Amino acid sequence: MNSQWKSFLKNLGEWQGSFTQFSPQGELINDIPSHLTLESFNENRTARLTLKRFYPNSDPTLEPEIKELVREYQSLGRDILFFENGTFSQGTIQLSPISKSGAEFGFIHENRRLRLVELFNLDGYLESLTLIREKRQGSNDIERPALTLEALLGEWKGEGITLYPDLRSPDIYPTRMQLQLESDSKYQLLQNLTFGVQDIKISSKARIEGSMIRFDQGKNPVRVILLPDGASATIPERVELRKPFFFEAGWLIKPDIRQRLIRQYNDKGEWLSLTLVTEYKQS
């Protein structure tokens, strides 16, 4: 049993939750209750996923309409990578002008999972954003509050682990992020990042628009959408060939612990790597 399969099996169990869809501007569209079961057979060599979603009936006196999806796995695709704790991301391998692009991010912590799906249309613009909040069947774990800018301000230090689609040895390195407010210009937020095996340093400024943070300077503008349960989605303003880009999701697990997943692509639209950053707020 390879290490990727073992990490996949960290997600075994029954998970109760909901699929919440948001507009590209972060506005709530709908919220659909869900029940997901992931079980293994044949001495853990086969896994079966059963997902049920409960859609409201047009007649409120009737039971919800149940849509069921069943899939079996004996191996994992080339588009997905798992970290040792079960955290993962699955998504586009190669950007194409004739197909939609995007990624699913999956975090797991004790009896909670948080997943986020970012889907882009053929023109490269965000089409939909789906937040999936789950807890193990029978657990009493509660959701985090909706993420706020205030919760992110300050200095964060941690560790990044970068996995590669060819399964070469991962890179592990320290990370640092500092977020602070400015009041003397239209760019009210200053971000300083230090990361990577080459100790890369990046400084950028952003405009704050309610629950959205826009980093619109430079050649590759992105926006960060703050979401329920401590989640965040970092979205390229447009995904297109001849420009490198990344998809990112974050989860504030506790007030002083945050994780981020980043899928990195080159200017040919090729998926290069998946990074998990676990960072701790400094007092």
Protein backbone atom coordinates (compact mmCIF):
# COMPACT_ATOMS: atom_id res chain seq x y z
CA MET A 1 0.00 0.00 0.00
CA ASN A 2 1.69 3.25 -1.10
CA SER A 3 1.84 6.35 1.07
CA GLN A 4 -0.63 8.31 -1.10
CA TRP A 5 -3.28 5.60 -0.68
CA LYS A 6 -2.66 5.44 3.07
CA SER A 7 -3.10 9.21 3.29
CA PHE A 8 -6.33 8.98 1.26
CA LEU A 9 -7.68 6.48 3.80
CA LYS A 10 -7.32 9.09 6.57
CA ASN A 11 -10.65 10.41 5.20
CA LEU A 12 -12.55 7.18 5.94
CA GLY A 13 -15.78 7.58 7.88
CA GLU A 14 -19.26 9.06 7.78
CA TRP A 15 -19.38 12.80 7.30
CA GLN A 16 -22.45 15.00 7.77
CA GLY A 17 -22.42 18.45 6.26
CA SER A 18 -23.60 20.71 3.50
CA PHE A 19 -22.65 22.04 0.07
CA THR A 20 -22.90 25.84 0.10
CA GLN A 21 -22.64 27.62 -3.23
CA PHE A 22 -21.47 31.22 -3.55
CA SER A 23 -21.42 33.64 -6.47
CA PRO A 24 -18.07 34.91 -7.83
CA GLN A 25 -18.65 37.97 -5.63
CA GLY A 26 -19.00 35.83 -2.50
CA GLU A 27 -22.80 36.06 -2.20
CA LEU A 28 -24.67 33.03 -0.82
CA ILE A 29 -26.73 31.21 -3.48
CA ASN A 30 -27.89 28.00 -1.79
CA ASP A 31 -27.04 25.50 0.95
CA ILE A 32 -27.71 21.77 0.41
CA PRO A 33 -27.42 19.26 3.30
CA SER A 34 -25.19 16.26 2.58
CA HIS A 35 -24.09 12.89 3.93
CA LEU A 36 -20.86 11.32 2.70
CA THR A 37 -19.61 7.83 3.54
CA LEU A 38 -16.10 6.68 2.64
CA GLU A 39 -15.46 3.02 3.51
CA SER A 40 -12.77 0.50 2.63
CA PHE A 41 -12.87 -3.19 1.61
CA ASN A 42 -10.49 -5.99 0.66
CA GLU A 43 -7.99 -5.19 3.42
CA ASN A 44 -8.05 -1.49 2.52
CA ARG A 45 -7.27 -2.13 -1.16
CA THR A 46 -10.68 -0.84 -2.33
CA ALA A 47 -12.58 2.25 -1.18
CA ARG A 48 -16.17 3.22 -1.87
CA LEU A 49 -17.52 6.76 -1.67
CA THR A 50 -21.27 7.32 -1.32
CA LEU A 51 -22.47 10.92 -1.38
CA LYS A 52 -26.09 11.87 -0.76
CA ARG A 53 -27.33 15.43 -1.18
CA PHE A 54 -30.78 16.48 0.02
CA TYR A 55 -32.42 19.08 -2.25
CA PRO A 56 -35.54 20.90 -1.04
CA ASN A 57 -38.72 19.78 -2.76
CA SER A 58 -40.85 22.34 -4.60
CA ASP A 59 -43.69 21.14 -2.38
CA PRO A 60 -42.60 21.90 1.23
CA THR A 61 -44.88 19.17 2.58
CA LEU A 62 -42.82 16.49 0.79
CA GLU A 63 -39.49 14.96 1.76
CA PRO A 64 -36.33 16.42 0.17
CA GLU A 65 -35.18 15.02 -3.17
CA ILE A 66 -32.12 12.82 -2.65
CA LYS A 67 -29.38 12.74 -5.29
CA GLU A 68 -26.82 9.97 -4.78
CA LEU A 69 -23.33 9.52 -6.18
CA VAL A 70 -21.38 6.26 -5.72
CA ARG A 71 -17.76 5.73 -6.75
CA GLU A 72 -15.24 2.97 -6.09
CA TYR A 73 -11.47 3.44 -6.00
CA GLN A 74 -8.58 1.01 -6.21
CA SER A 75 -6.05 3.64 -7.21
CA LEU A 76 -5.75 7.42 -7.35
CA GLY A 77 -5.70 9.65 -10.40
CA ARG A 78 -2.79 11.79 -11.59
CA ASP A 79 -4.73 14.96 -10.74
CA ILE A 80 -4.78 14.45 -6.94
CA LEU A 81 -2.20 14.52 -4.15
CA PHE A 82 -2.58 13.80 -0.43
CA PHE A 83 -0.55 14.88 2.57
CA GLU A 84 0.12 12.49 5.46
CA ASN A 85 -2.77 13.82 7.58
CA GLY A 86 -5.32 13.26 4.77
CA THR A 87 -5.42 16.85 3.51
CA PHE A 88 -5.57 16.89 -0.30
CA SER A 89 -6.24 18.72 -3.54
CA GLN A 90 -7.61 17.48 -6.85
CA GLY A 91 -7.93 19.54 -10.01
CA THR A 92 -6.85 20.56 -13.47
CA ILE A 93 -3.58 19.00 -14.72
CA GLN A 94 -3.32 21.01 -17.94
CA LEU A 95 -5.15 24.22 -18.77
CA SER A 96 -7.13 23.89 -22.00
CA PRO A 97 -9.17 26.41 -24.03
CA ILE A 98 -11.90 23.80 -24.61
CA SER A 99 -12.56 22.72 -21.02
CA LYS A 100 -13.30 24.32 -17.68
CA SER A 101 -10.55 24.49 -15.07
CA GLY A 102 -10.41 24.53 -11.30
CA ALA A 103 -9.60 22.60 -8.16
CA GLU A 104 -11.02 21.00 -5.04
CA PHE A 105 -9.21 21.50 -1.75
CA GLY A 106 -9.82 19.24 1.25
CA PHE A 107 -8.69 19.95 4.82
CA ILE A 108 -9.10 17.52 7.71
CA HIS A 109 -8.65 18.20 11.43
CA GLU A 110 -9.81 15.78 14.13
CA ASN A 111 -13.58 15.32 13.56
CA ARG A 112 -13.97 18.10 11.01
CA ARG A 113 -13.38 18.41 7.28
CA LEU A 114 -13.57 21.51 5.15
CA ARG A 115 -13.55 21.34 1.36
CA LEU A 116 -13.65 24.08 -1.23
CA VAL A 117 -14.28 23.80 -4.97
CA GLU A 118 -13.21 26.63 -7.29
CA LEU A 119 -14.51 26.28 -10.87
CA PHE A 120 -13.56 28.56 -13.78
CA ASN A 121 -15.42 28.88 -17.11
CA LEU A 122 -13.99 28.54 -20.63
CA ASP A 123 -13.04 32.23 -20.65
CA GLY A 124 -10.99 31.78 -17.49
CA TYR A 125 -13.27 33.63 -15.07
CA LEU A 126 -14.61 32.24 -11.80
CA GLU A 127 -17.93 30.47 -12.45
CA SER A 128 -18.78 29.01 -9.05
CA LEU A 129 -17.45 28.58 -5.55
CA THR A 130 -18.67 25.72 -3.37
CA LEU A 131 -17.85 25.40 0.33
CA ILE A 132 -18.36 21.97 1.90
CA ARG A 133 -18.40 21.84 5.71
CA GLU A 134 -18.47 18.40 7.32
CA LYS A 135 -18.16 16.70 10.71
CA ARG A 136 -17.92 13.03 11.62
CA GLN A 137 -21.25 11.36 12.23
CA GLY A 138 -22.04 11.55 15.96
CA SER A 139 -19.40 14.18 16.83
CA ASN A 140 -20.27 17.47 18.50
CA ASP A 141 -17.56 19.59 16.89
CA ILE A 142 -18.79 23.06 16.00
CA GLU A 143 -17.96 25.31 13.07
CA ARG A 144 -15.59 28.23 13.25
CA PRO A 145 -17.03 31.74 12.86
CA ALA A 146 -16.96 33.33 9.41
CA LEU A 147 -13.45 34.51 8.55
CA THR A 148 -12.74 38.21 9.09
CA LEU A 149 -9.83 40.40 8.09
CA GLU A 150 -9.18 41.17 11.76
CA ALA A 151 -8.59 37.45 12.44
CA LEU A 152 -5.84 37.40 9.79
CA LEU A 153 -3.94 40.52 10.83
CA GLY A 154 -0.56 40.04 12.48
CA GLU A 155 2.45 37.81 11.98
CA TRP A 156 2.18 34.12 11.10
CA LYS A 157 5.09 31.67 11.12
CA GLY A 158 5.00 28.03 10.09
CA GLU A 159 6.09 25.34 7.68
CA GLY A 160 5.42 24.65 4.03
CA ILE A 161 5.45 21.18 2.45
CA THR A 162 5.46 21.02 -1.35
CA LEU A 163 4.47 17.81 -3.15
CA TYR A 164 4.99 17.16 -6.86
CA PRO A 165 2.86 15.21 -9.37
CA ASP A 166 5.85 12.97 -10.23
CA LEU A 167 6.04 11.97 -6.52
CA ARG A 168 9.65 13.09 -6.08
CA SER A 169 10.76 13.87 -2.51
CA PRO A 170 8.82 16.81 -1.04
CA ASP A 171 10.36 20.16 -0.21
CA ILE A 172 9.98 21.33 3.41
CA TYR A 173 10.80 24.90 4.47
CA PRO A 174 9.85 27.64 6.97
CA THR A 175 7.22 30.24 6.05
CA ARG A 176 6.35 33.70 7.32
CA MET A 177 3.41 35.96 6.54
CA GLN A 178 2.74 39.42 7.93
CA LEU A 179 -0.51 41.30 7.32
CA GLN A 180 -0.99 44.85 8.50
CA LEU A 181 -3.37 47.73 7.79
CA GLU A 182 -2.37 50.97 6.12
CA SER A 183 -4.48 54.12 6.17
CA ASP A 184 -2.69 56.51 3.82
CA SER A 185 -3.78 55.15 0.43
CA LYS A 186 -6.52 53.22 -1.38
CA TYR A 187 -4.48 50.05 -0.78
CA GLN A 188 -5.36 49.49 2.86
CA LEU A 189 -3.61 46.14 3.43
CA LEU A 190 0.10 45.32 3.24
CA GLN A 191 1.22 41.69 2.95
CA ASN A 192 4.78 40.42 3.30
CA LEU A 193 5.50 36.75 2.50
CA THR A 194 8.68 34.70 2.91
CA PHE A 195 8.59 31.08 1.70
CA GLY A 196 10.22 28.34 -0.37
CA VAL A 197 13.55 26.57 -0.33
CA GLN A 198 15.12 29.70 -1.88
CA ASP A 199 13.66 31.99 0.81
CA ILE A 200 11.54 33.97 -1.67
CA LYS A 201 10.25 37.32 -0.40
CA ILE A 202 7.10 38.99 -1.82
CA SER A 203 5.45 42.23 -0.75
CA SER A 204 2.02 43.27 -2.05
CA LYS A 205 -0.81 45.64 -1.26
CA ALA A 206 -4.56 45.08 -1.41
CA ARG A 207 -7.85 46.94 -1.36
CA ILE A 208 -10.50 45.85 1.16
CA GLU A 209 -14.05 45.58 -0.17
CA GLY A 210 -16.25 44.09 2.53
CA SER A 211 -15.58 40.34 2.67
CA MET A 212 -13.27 40.56 -0.34
CA ILE A 213 -9.59 41.52 -0.47
CA ARG A 214 -8.24 42.54 -3.90
CA PHE A 215 -4.55 42.25 -4.74
CA ASP A 216 -4.88 43.94 -8.12
CA GLN A 217 -1.38 45.30 -8.60
CA GLY A 218 1.05 43.54 -10.95
CA LYS A 219 0.54 41.17 -13.87
CA ASN A 220 -1.42 38.44 -12.03
CA PRO A 221 -4.14 40.05 -9.87
CA VAL A 222 -6.02 37.87 -7.38
CA ARG A 223 -8.80 38.33 -4.89
CA VAL A 224 -9.36 36.66 -1.54
CA ILE A 225 -12.96 35.86 -0.59
CA LEU A 226 -13.63 35.46 3.15
CA LEU A 227 -16.13 32.68 3.85
CA PRO A 228 -17.99 30.91 6.71
CA ASP A 229 -16.24 28.45 9.05
CA GLY A 230 -12.92 30.28 8.91
CA ALA A 231 -12.49 29.51 5.19
CA SER A 232 -11.00 31.62 2.43
CA ALA A 233 -10.65 31.27 -1.33
CA THR A 234 -7.84 32.96 -3.26
CA ILE A 235 -9.00 33.40 -6.85
CA PRO A 236 -7.06 34.55 -9.93
CA GLU A 237 -9.00 37.34 -11.61
CA ARG A 238 -8.54 35.35 -14.79
CA VAL A 239 -6.91 32.01 -15.63
CA GLU A 240 -5.16 32.13 -19.00
CA LEU A 241 -2.28 30.62 -20.91
CA ARG A 242 1.11 32.37 -21.06
CA LYS A 243 0.64 33.58 -17.50
CA PRO A 244 1.58 31.52 -14.41
CA PHE A 245 -1.21 31.28 -11.83
CA PHE A 246 -2.26 29.47 -8.67
CA PHE A 247 -5.42 28.30 -6.91
CA GLU A 248 -5.50 28.57 -3.11
CA ALA A 249 -7.81 27.77 -0.19
CA GLY A 250 -7.34 28.50 3.51
CA TRP A 251 -8.86 27.33 6.78
CA LEU A 252 -8.53 29.07 10.15
CA ILE A 253 -8.73 25.93 12.31
CA LYS A 254 -8.24 27.82 15.57
CA PRO A 255 -7.68 31.54 16.24
CA ASP A 256 -3.91 30.95 16.15
CA ILE A 257 -3.64 28.03 13.66
CA ARG A 258 -4.29 28.33 9.93
CA GLN A 259 -3.66 26.03 6.98
CA ARG A 260 -3.43 26.94 3.30
CA LEU A 261 -3.36 24.71 0.21
CA ILE A 262 -1.84 26.09 -3.01
CA ARG A 263 -1.88 24.51 -6.51
CA GLN A 264 0.81 26.14 -8.64
CA TYR A 265 0.78 26.31 -12.48
CA ASN A 266 3.36 27.56 -14.99
CA ASP A 267 2.85 29.84 -18.02
CA LYS A 268 2.02 26.78 -20.17
CA GLY A 269 -0.92 25.93 -17.90
CA GLU A 270 0.82 22.84 -16.51
CA TRP A 271 0.22 21.82 -12.90
CA LEU A 272 3.58 22.03 -11.11
CA SER A 273 3.03 21.36 -7.42
CA LEU A 274 0.78 21.30 -4.37
CA THR A 275 1.79 23.06 -1.17
CA LEU A 276 0.39 22.77 2.35
CA VAL A 277 1.27 25.65 4.68
CA THR A 278 0.57 25.23 8.39
CA GLU A 279 1.11 28.53 10.18
CA TYR A 280 0.78 29.83 13.73
CA LYS A 281 -0.11 33.34 14.80
CA GLN A 282 2.61 35.02 16.84
CA SER A 283 1.61 36.70 20.07
